[in-house]
């Protein structure tokens, strides 16, 4: 199968309205990475209680896919869970028994496809040889390993819990037992040369992993990294360095058979992330656990980002969440953002069909300057970034948003 045919086949397999994803947020970490602004706690005192609460939330929300189906006037029996994703936090702090318990709860309360993609995010320091063998015998069939860098100085600066030796050892072991492995790498790290970044990529390639997610180091408010930069202890990341690293990343991985199918994600054929692709393609998903987000096509909800409040509410059979109904403009903006980030781009026909001629006219007008500057292109009625424009995708997307079309 050609690459283009594979890409079309993959999106077709996820484009039906019959399936959805479940994301389970595990809000615990051994220590706080300096750059991270996700919700987590370094105290494990409530871990067992949290696992039981997550199981209870799965039960409380078991009819949400049913409700989605009814709102679309489809038969509820067609709604099935296609992917289960354990994120965080650091899900690998759970025991394998706790993970299997939660997976069993999904199967008990939801209809699940025959071979779902079940992903566990894990840190190298948790992936001992014994643990990898144990996980290989579990329901987990995909590992997403937070390597971030193979250089000790980078790992120390980011306050990662593992070192370079652990990173490489865990990959050597994991690839013996798991076929479907993704690793995370961070670029644009202050002081990292182009040569060092190239070496990071080459090291990853030596292990033959079929999927790589890579992100620019960003400075989020209220993180330790932000404080260290403000105090002058760490240099701030530079956009020009991140852009140079991004271009090296794209060129190197594409030469090695990876498909750049989303701005931060590269996969070989048959190894695209089904879970994340479901988000980008607008599928429904349920987020379980504190701070987790959910989406049903017309509304978005999110759980409270506080472990104590989450536990208290669930114990009282209440959902600790807020909800917003998405306007036409909200849904248009979201499609622009996710569409431009993917290899599938933004379909102009879909814009007109789902949002109307006014939105289509606006999009074409706003895109003109980017097309002229060769940052965007329109081919076969699909709007997508050019190679020159990829690194600027998020900024370009924001210029295509429409915030007050319905006013």
Protein backbone atom coordinates (compact mmCIF):
# COMPACT_ATOMS: atom_id res chain seq x y z
CA UNK A 1 0.00 0.00 0.00
CA UNK A 2 1.36 3.43 -0.93
CA UNK A 3 1.83 6.06 1.78
CA UNK A 4 -1.02 8.19 0.41
CA UNK A 5 -3.34 5.18 0.34
CA UNK A 6 -2.36 4.26 3.90
CA UNK A 7 -3.10 7.80 5.11
CA UNK A 8 -6.52 7.72 3.43
CA UNK A 9 -7.23 4.26 4.81
CA UNK A 10 -6.24 5.28 8.32
CA UNK A 11 -8.48 8.33 8.44
CA UNK A 12 -11.36 6.30 6.97
CA UNK A 13 -10.98 3.77 9.79
CA UNK A 14 -11.48 6.55 12.36
CA UNK A 15 -13.91 8.82 10.54
CA UNK A 16 -17.09 6.90 11.30
CA UNK A 17 -19.50 8.14 13.95
CA UNK A 18 -19.64 4.79 15.72
CA UNK A 19 -16.69 4.96 18.07
CA UNK A 20 -15.01 7.04 20.71
CA UNK A 21 -12.03 7.23 23.03
CA UNK A 22 -11.57 7.05 26.77
CA UNK A 23 -8.76 9.01 28.39
CA UNK A 24 -7.87 8.22 32.02
CA UNK A 25 -5.82 10.84 33.87
CA UNK A 26 -3.57 9.49 36.62
CA UNK A 27 -2.67 12.56 38.71
CA UNK A 28 0.53 11.36 40.37
CA UNK A 29 4.25 11.83 39.69
CA UNK A 30 7.36 10.88 41.64
CA UNK A 31 8.70 14.40 41.23
CA UNK A 32 7.76 17.60 39.41
CA UNK A 33 9.40 18.28 36.06
CA UNK A 34 10.39 21.93 35.84
CA UNK A 35 8.49 22.60 32.59
CA UNK A 36 5.24 20.75 33.36
CA UNK A 37 1.94 22.52 34.03
CA UNK A 38 -0.29 19.42 33.89
CA UNK A 39 -2.28 18.50 36.98
CA UNK A 40 -0.52 16.06 39.32
CA UNK A 41 0.52 15.44 42.91
CA UNK A 42 3.84 14.08 44.15
CA UNK A 43 2.10 12.56 47.19
CA UNK A 44 0.99 8.97 46.64
CA UNK A 45 -1.08 8.78 49.84
CA UNK A 46 -4.39 8.83 48.00
CA UNK A 47 -3.36 6.60 45.07
CA UNK A 48 -5.52 3.59 45.95
CA UNK A 49 -8.46 5.86 46.79
CA UNK A 50 -8.00 7.64 43.45
CA UNK A 51 -8.03 4.37 41.49
CA UNK A 52 -11.35 3.44 43.09
CA UNK A 53 -12.76 6.91 42.37
CA UNK A 54 -11.71 6.70 38.72
CA UNK A 55 -13.43 3.32 38.50
CA UNK A 56 -16.56 4.86 40.00
CA UNK A 57 -16.50 7.76 37.51
CA UNK A 58 -16.29 5.23 34.68
CA UNK A 59 -19.46 3.65 36.08
CA UNK A 60 -21.27 6.98 36.61
CA UNK A 61 -20.58 8.05 33.02
CA UNK A 62 -21.30 4.75 31.30
CA UNK A 63 -24.28 6.14 29.38
CA UNK A 64 -22.51 9.13 27.83
CA UNK A 65 -21.71 7.38 24.56
CA UNK A 66 -25.34 6.21 24.59
CA UNK A 67 -26.52 9.80 25.03
CA UNK A 68 -24.25 10.97 22.18
CA UNK A 69 -25.78 8.35 19.95
CA UNK A 70 -29.31 9.42 20.86
CA UNK A 71 -28.54 13.07 20.19
CA UNK A 72 -27.42 12.08 16.71
CA UNK A 73 -30.43 9.79 16.27
CA UNK A 74 -28.17 6.79 15.84
CA UNK A 75 -28.59 3.41 17.46
CA UNK A 76 -26.74 3.24 20.77
CA UNK A 77 -25.40 -0.22 20.00
CA UNK A 78 -23.04 1.26 17.40
CA UNK A 79 -21.12 3.33 19.95
CA UNK A 80 -17.96 1.51 20.97
CA UNK A 81 -14.71 2.40 22.70
CA UNK A 82 -11.89 2.25 20.16
CA UNK A 83 -9.01 3.47 22.31
CA UNK A 84 -8.13 3.60 26.00
CA UNK A 85 -5.32 5.93 27.00
CA UNK A 86 -3.67 6.23 30.41
CA UNK A 87 -2.12 9.70 30.68
CA UNK A 88 -1.06 12.00 33.45
CA UNK A 89 0.82 12.63 35.55
CA UNK A 90 2.73 9.40 35.37
CA UNK A 91 0.40 6.42 34.87
CA UNK A 92 3.28 3.98 35.24
CA UNK A 93 3.28 4.69 39.00
CA UNK A 94 0.19 2.47 39.13
CA UNK A 95 0.72 -1.22 39.66
CA UNK A 96 -0.09 -3.49 36.74
CA UNK A 97 -2.96 -4.88 38.82
CA UNK A 98 -4.43 -1.37 39.24
CA UNK A 99 -4.13 -0.73 35.50
CA UNK A 100 -5.82 -4.04 34.67
CA UNK A 101 -8.57 -3.26 37.18
CA UNK A 102 -9.38 0.02 35.42
CA UNK A 103 -9.29 -1.60 31.98
CA UNK A 104 -11.69 -4.26 33.25
CA UNK A 105 -14.01 -1.51 34.47
CA UNK A 106 -14.06 0.00 30.97
CA UNK A 107 -14.97 -3.37 29.50
CA UNK A 108 -17.62 -3.89 32.18
CA UNK A 109 -19.45 -0.59 31.62
CA UNK A 110 -18.81 0.16 27.93
CA UNK A 111 -18.95 -1.61 24.62
CA UNK A 112 -15.37 -2.03 23.39
CA UNK A 113 -14.13 -2.94 19.89
CA UNK A 114 -12.39 -6.26 19.42
CA UNK A 115 -8.80 -4.99 19.39
CA UNK A 116 -8.69 -1.53 21.00
CA UNK A 117 -5.50 0.47 21.18
CA UNK A 118 -4.62 0.63 24.89
CA UNK A 119 -1.77 3.03 25.65
CA UNK A 120 0.17 3.55 28.86
CA UNK A 121 2.34 6.62 29.33
CA UNK A 122 5.43 5.59 31.26
CA UNK A 123 8.70 7.02 32.49
CA UNK A 124 11.99 5.13 31.96
CA UNK A 125 12.68 4.83 35.67
CA UNK A 126 9.47 2.83 36.11
CA UNK A 127 10.24 0.45 33.25
CA UNK A 128 12.48 -2.11 34.88
CA UNK A 129 12.96 -5.42 33.08
CA UNK A 130 10.50 -7.08 35.45
CA UNK A 131 7.89 -4.37 34.90
CA UNK A 132 8.21 -4.49 31.11
CA UNK A 133 7.70 -8.25 31.07
CA UNK A 134 4.73 -7.83 33.42
CA UNK A 135 3.15 -5.14 31.22
CA UNK A 136 3.73 -7.21 28.08
CA UNK A 137 1.45 -9.87 29.57
CA UNK A 138 -1.24 -7.30 30.42
CA UNK A 139 -3.92 -5.67 28.26
CA UNK A 140 -1.58 -2.76 27.45
CA UNK A 141 -0.55 -2.97 23.78
CA UNK A 142 1.13 0.41 23.30
CA UNK A 143 3.75 2.24 25.39
CA UNK A 144 4.36 5.98 25.26
CA UNK A 145 7.70 6.56 26.98
CA UNK A 146 8.75 10.00 28.23
CA UNK A 147 12.41 10.05 27.23
CA UNK A 148 12.64 13.83 26.50
CA UNK A 149 16.43 13.73 25.98
CA UNK A 150 19.36 11.34 26.04
CA UNK A 151 21.70 13.98 27.52
CA UNK A 152 22.26 14.11 31.29
CA UNK A 153 22.47 17.90 31.41
CA UNK A 154 19.08 18.27 29.73
CA UNK A 155 17.43 15.74 32.02
CA UNK A 156 18.87 17.47 35.10
CA UNK A 157 17.73 20.90 33.89
CA UNK A 158 14.20 19.57 33.36
CA UNK A 159 14.29 17.72 36.72
CA UNK A 160 13.40 14.40 35.14
CA UNK A 161 13.36 11.36 37.44
CA UNK A 162 15.48 9.23 35.10
CA UNK A 163 18.96 9.47 33.62
CA UNK A 164 20.33 8.76 30.14
CA UNK A 165 21.43 5.22 30.99
CA UNK A 166 17.92 4.36 32.25
CA UNK A 167 16.39 5.89 29.12
CA UNK A 168 18.44 3.74 26.78
CA UNK A 169 18.19 0.59 28.87
CA UNK A 170 14.40 0.79 29.07
CA UNK A 171 14.15 1.21 25.28
CA UNK A 172 16.45 -1.73 24.71
CA UNK A 173 14.20 -3.88 26.90
CA UNK A 174 10.83 -2.46 25.84
CA UNK A 175 11.46 -3.02 22.13
CA UNK A 176 11.99 -6.72 22.86
CA UNK A 177 8.49 -7.08 24.27
CA UNK A 178 6.41 -4.33 22.62
CA UNK A 179 6.03 -3.66 18.93
CA UNK A 180 3.98 -0.46 19.30
CA UNK A 181 6.15 2.09 21.12
CA UNK A 182 6.16 5.87 21.03
CA UNK A 183 8.74 8.09 22.69
CA UNK A 184 8.66 11.79 23.58
CA UNK A 185 11.56 14.13 22.80
CA UNK A 186 11.86 17.83 23.60
CA UNK A 187 13.69 20.29 21.33
CA UNK A 188 14.61 23.94 21.68
CA UNK A 189 16.30 23.32 25.03
CA UNK A 190 18.58 26.25 25.99
CA UNK A 191 22.20 25.41 25.20
CA UNK A 192 21.37 22.45 22.98
CA UNK A 193 23.26 22.68 19.68
CA UNK A 194 21.93 21.45 16.35
CA UNK A 195 24.49 18.64 16.52
CA UNK A 196 23.28 17.52 19.96
CA UNK A 197 19.68 17.57 18.80
CA UNK A 198 20.62 15.49 15.75
CA UNK A 199 22.35 13.04 18.08
CA UNK A 200 19.19 12.80 20.22
CA UNK A 201 17.16 11.86 17.15
CA UNK A 202 19.78 9.38 15.90
CA UNK A 203 19.88 7.70 19.31
CA UNK A 204 16.12 7.25 19.22
CA UNK A 205 16.29 5.81 15.70
CA UNK A 206 18.83 3.19 16.77
CA UNK A 207 16.16 1.50 18.88
CA UNK A 208 13.76 1.20 15.95
CA UNK A 209 10.78 2.81 17.66
CA UNK A 210 7.94 3.32 15.13
CA UNK A 211 6.49 6.53 16.59
CA UNK A 212 8.04 9.73 17.92
CA UNK A 213 6.25 12.69 19.51
CA UNK A 214 8.38 15.81 19.77
CA UNK A 215 7.59 19.19 21.28
CA UNK A 216 9.35 22.50 21.65
CA UNK A 217 10.26 23.40 25.22
CA UNK A 218 7.70 25.99 26.29
CA UNK A 219 7.69 28.17 29.37
CA UNK A 220 4.34 28.00 31.13
CA UNK A 221 3.31 30.36 33.95
CA UNK A 222 3.59 29.05 37.50
CA UNK A 223 6.16 26.40 36.58
CA UNK A 224 9.59 25.98 38.13
CA UNK A 225 11.12 26.61 34.71
CA UNK A 226 9.47 30.02 34.51
CA UNK A 227 10.78 30.92 37.97
CA UNK A 228 14.32 29.77 37.13
CA UNK A 229 14.33 31.84 33.94
CA UNK A 230 13.04 34.93 35.74
CA UNK A 231 15.82 34.53 38.32
CA UNK A 232 18.39 34.23 35.53
CA UNK A 233 19.43 30.70 36.50
CA UNK A 234 18.38 29.22 33.15
CA UNK A 235 18.38 30.91 29.77
CA UNK A 236 15.02 31.35 28.06
CA UNK A 237 14.33 29.17 25.00
CA UNK A 238 14.86 30.92 21.66
CA UNK A 239 12.36 30.61 18.81
CA UNK A 240 15.08 30.51 16.17
CA UNK A 241 16.77 27.56 17.92
CA UNK A 242 13.46 25.70 18.22
CA UNK A 243 12.69 26.30 14.54
CA UNK A 244 16.12 25.01 13.48
CA UNK A 245 15.63 21.90 15.62
CA UNK A 246 12.14 21.39 14.18
CA UNK A 247 13.45 21.43 10.61
CA UNK A 248 16.20 18.93 11.53
CA UNK A 249 13.57 16.72 13.16
CA UNK A 250 11.25 16.72 10.14
CA UNK A 251 14.02 16.11 7.60
CA UNK A 252 15.68 13.33 9.60
CA UNK A 253 12.54 11.41 10.45
CA UNK A 254 11.05 11.64 6.96
CA UNK A 255 14.32 10.29 5.52
CA UNK A 256 13.94 7.35 7.89
CA UNK A 257 10.44 6.37 6.79
CA UNK A 258 8.35 8.35 9.27
CA UNK A 259 5.21 10.18 8.17
CA UNK A 260 4.77 13.64 9.67
CA UNK A 261 1.04 13.18 10.24
CA UNK A 262 0.55 15.81 12.95
CA UNK A 263 2.62 18.86 13.86
CA UNK A 264 4.29 17.15 16.83
CA UNK A 265 3.86 13.52 15.80
CA UNK A 266 5.69 11.20 13.44
CA UNK A 267 4.75 7.60 12.79
CA UNK A 268 5.59 4.79 10.44
CA UNK A 269 2.74 3.13 8.55
CA UNK A 270 0.41 1.24 10.91
CA UNK A 271 1.80 3.12 13.92
CA UNK A 272 -0.10 6.42 13.98
CA UNK A 273 -1.63 7.03 17.42
CA UNK A 274 -5.29 6.05 17.08
CA UNK A 275 -6.15 7.76 20.36
CA UNK A 276 -4.67 11.16 19.53
CA UNK A 277 -5.82 10.97 15.93
CA UNK A 278 -9.37 10.52 17.19
CA UNK A 279 -9.04 13.89 18.96
CA UNK A 280 -7.66 15.61 15.88
CA UNK A 281 -10.35 14.14 13.65
CA UNK A 282 -13.14 15.38 15.91
CA UNK A 283 -14.24 12.06 17.42
CA UNK A 284 -15.99 11.90 20.77
CA UNK A 285 -13.99 11.16 23.90
CA UNK A 286 -14.59 10.85 27.61
CA UNK A 287 -11.93 12.13 30.02
CA UNK A 288 -11.86 10.36 33.38
CA UNK A 289 -10.01 11.59 36.47
CA UNK A 290 -9.15 15.03 37.91
CA UNK A 291 -8.52 17.73 35.25
CA UNK A 292 -9.55 15.40 32.39
CA UNK A 293 -11.47 16.92 29.46
CA UNK A 294 -14.34 15.41 27.45
CA UNK A 295 -15.89 16.24 24.08
CA UNK A 296 -19.08 15.03 22.38
CA UNK A 297 -19.01 17.06 19.19
CA UNK A 298 -21.18 19.88 20.49
CA UNK A 299 -19.98 20.53 24.03
CA UNK A 300 -16.83 20.27 26.10
CA UNK A 301 -16.54 19.47 29.80
CA UNK A 302 -13.66 19.22 32.22
CA UNK A 303 -13.20 17.79 35.70
CA UNK A 304 -11.89 19.85 38.58
CA UNK A 305 -8.08 19.96 38.74
CA UNK A 306 -7.95 19.20 42.44
CA UNK A 307 -7.52 15.69 43.82
CA UNK A 308 -9.31 16.29 47.13
CA UNK A 309 -12.33 17.97 45.52
CA UNK A 310 -12.49 15.28 42.84
CA UNK A 311 -12.45 12.46 45.40
CA UNK A 312 -15.08 14.15 47.57
CA UNK A 313 -17.47 14.68 44.66
CA UNK A 314 -17.13 11.16 43.26
CA UNK A 315 -17.69 9.66 46.71
CA UNK A 316 -20.99 11.62 46.75
CA UNK A 317 -21.91 10.23 43.31
CA UNK A 318 -21.44 13.65 41.74
CA UNK A 319 -19.42 14.62 38.68
CA UNK A 320 -16.93 17.37 39.63
CA UNK A 321 -17.07 18.98 36.22
CA UNK A 322 -17.99 22.11 34.30
CA UNK A 323 -19.46 22.19 30.81
CA UNK A 324 -19.68 24.61 27.91
CA UNK A 325 -21.83 24.36 24.80
CA UNK A 326 -19.72 25.10 21.73
CA UNK A 327 -21.02 27.73 19.34
CA UNK A 328 -20.65 27.36 15.59
CA UNK A 329 -17.67 29.72 15.78
CA UNK A 330 -16.10 27.62 18.56
CA UNK A 331 -16.42 24.44 16.50
CA UNK A 332 -15.09 26.20 13.39
CA UNK A 333 -12.06 27.51 15.29
CA UNK A 334 -11.36 24.09 16.76
CA UNK A 335 -11.48 22.45 13.34
CA UNK A 336 -9.11 25.07 11.95
CA UNK A 337 -6.63 24.47 14.78
CA UNK A 338 -6.71 20.66 14.66
CA UNK A 339 -7.03 20.41 10.88
CA UNK A 340 -4.04 22.60 10.10
CA UNK A 341 -1.89 20.59 12.52
CA UNK A 342 -2.55 17.33 10.67
CA UNK A 343 -1.56 15.84 7.34
CA UNK A 344 -5.26 15.83 6.41
CA UNK A 345 -5.54 19.62 6.55
CA UNK A 346 -8.78 21.63 6.49
CA UNK A 347 -11.35 20.48 3.95
CA UNK A 348 -13.01 23.53 2.41
CA UNK A 349 -16.01 21.42 1.47
CA UNK A 350 -16.49 20.48 5.12
CA UNK A 351 -16.23 24.14 6.16
CA UNK A 352 -19.08 25.03 3.82
CA UNK A 353 -21.17 21.97 4.70
CA UNK A 354 -20.87 22.22 8.50
CA UNK A 355 -20.41 25.94 9.10
CA UNK A 356 -21.85 27.72 6.08
CA UNK A 357 -20.79 29.89 3.18
CA UNK A 358 -19.95 32.88 5.39
CA UNK A 359 -17.30 30.88 7.22
CA UNK A 360 -15.88 29.55 3.98
CA UNK A 361 -15.62 33.04 2.49
CA UNK A 362 -13.95 34.31 5.63
CA UNK A 363 -11.44 31.44 5.70
CA UNK A 364 -10.46 31.92 2.06
CA UNK A 365 -10.03 35.67 2.57
CA UNK A 366 -7.94 35.26 5.74
CA UNK A 367 -5.80 32.59 4.08
CA UNK A 368 -4.86 34.69 1.06
CA UNK A 369 -1.81 36.36 2.61
CA UNK A 370 -0.47 33.04 3.91
CA UNK A 371 -0.95 31.37 0.54
CA UNK A 372 0.80 34.30 -1.13
CA UNK A 373 3.73 33.97 1.30
CA UNK A 374 3.84 30.21 0.61
CA UNK A 375 3.04 29.33 4.22
CA UNK A 376 -0.29 27.71 3.28
CA UNK A 377 -1.41 25.92 0.14
CA UNK A 378 -4.76 24.85 -1.28
CA UNK A 379 -4.70 21.60 -3.21
CA UNK A 380 -7.69 19.41 -4.06
CA UNK A 381 -9.84 21.77 -2.00
CA UNK A 382 -7.71 21.11 1.11
CA UNK A 383 -6.01 23.92 3.02
CA UNK A 384 -2.78 22.91 4.77
CA UNK A 385 0.60 24.37 5.78
CA UNK A 386 3.53 24.13 3.39
CA UNK A 387 6.90 22.83 4.56
CA UNK A 388 7.86 26.46 5.10
CA UNK A 389 4.77 27.14 7.19
CA UNK A 390 4.61 24.03 9.39
CA UNK A 391 6.57 25.44 12.32
CA UNK A 392 4.26 28.49 12.33
CA UNK A 393 1.05 26.46 12.20
CA UNK A 394 -0.43 27.46 15.56
CA UNK A 395 0.14 31.16 14.94
CA UNK A 396 -1.34 30.93 11.45
CA UNK A 397 -4.38 29.08 12.78
CA UNK A 398 -5.07 31.82 15.32
CA UNK A 399 -5.16 34.36 12.48
CA UNK A 400 -7.82 32.25 10.76
CA UNK A 401 -10.07 32.07 13.85
CA UNK A 402 -13.35 33.91 13.82
CA UNK A 403 -14.44 35.08 17.25
CA UNK A 404 -17.52 37.16 16.54
CA UNK A 405 -19.09 35.86 13.33
CA UNK A 406 -22.45 35.25 15.00
CA UNK A 407 -22.67 38.58 16.80
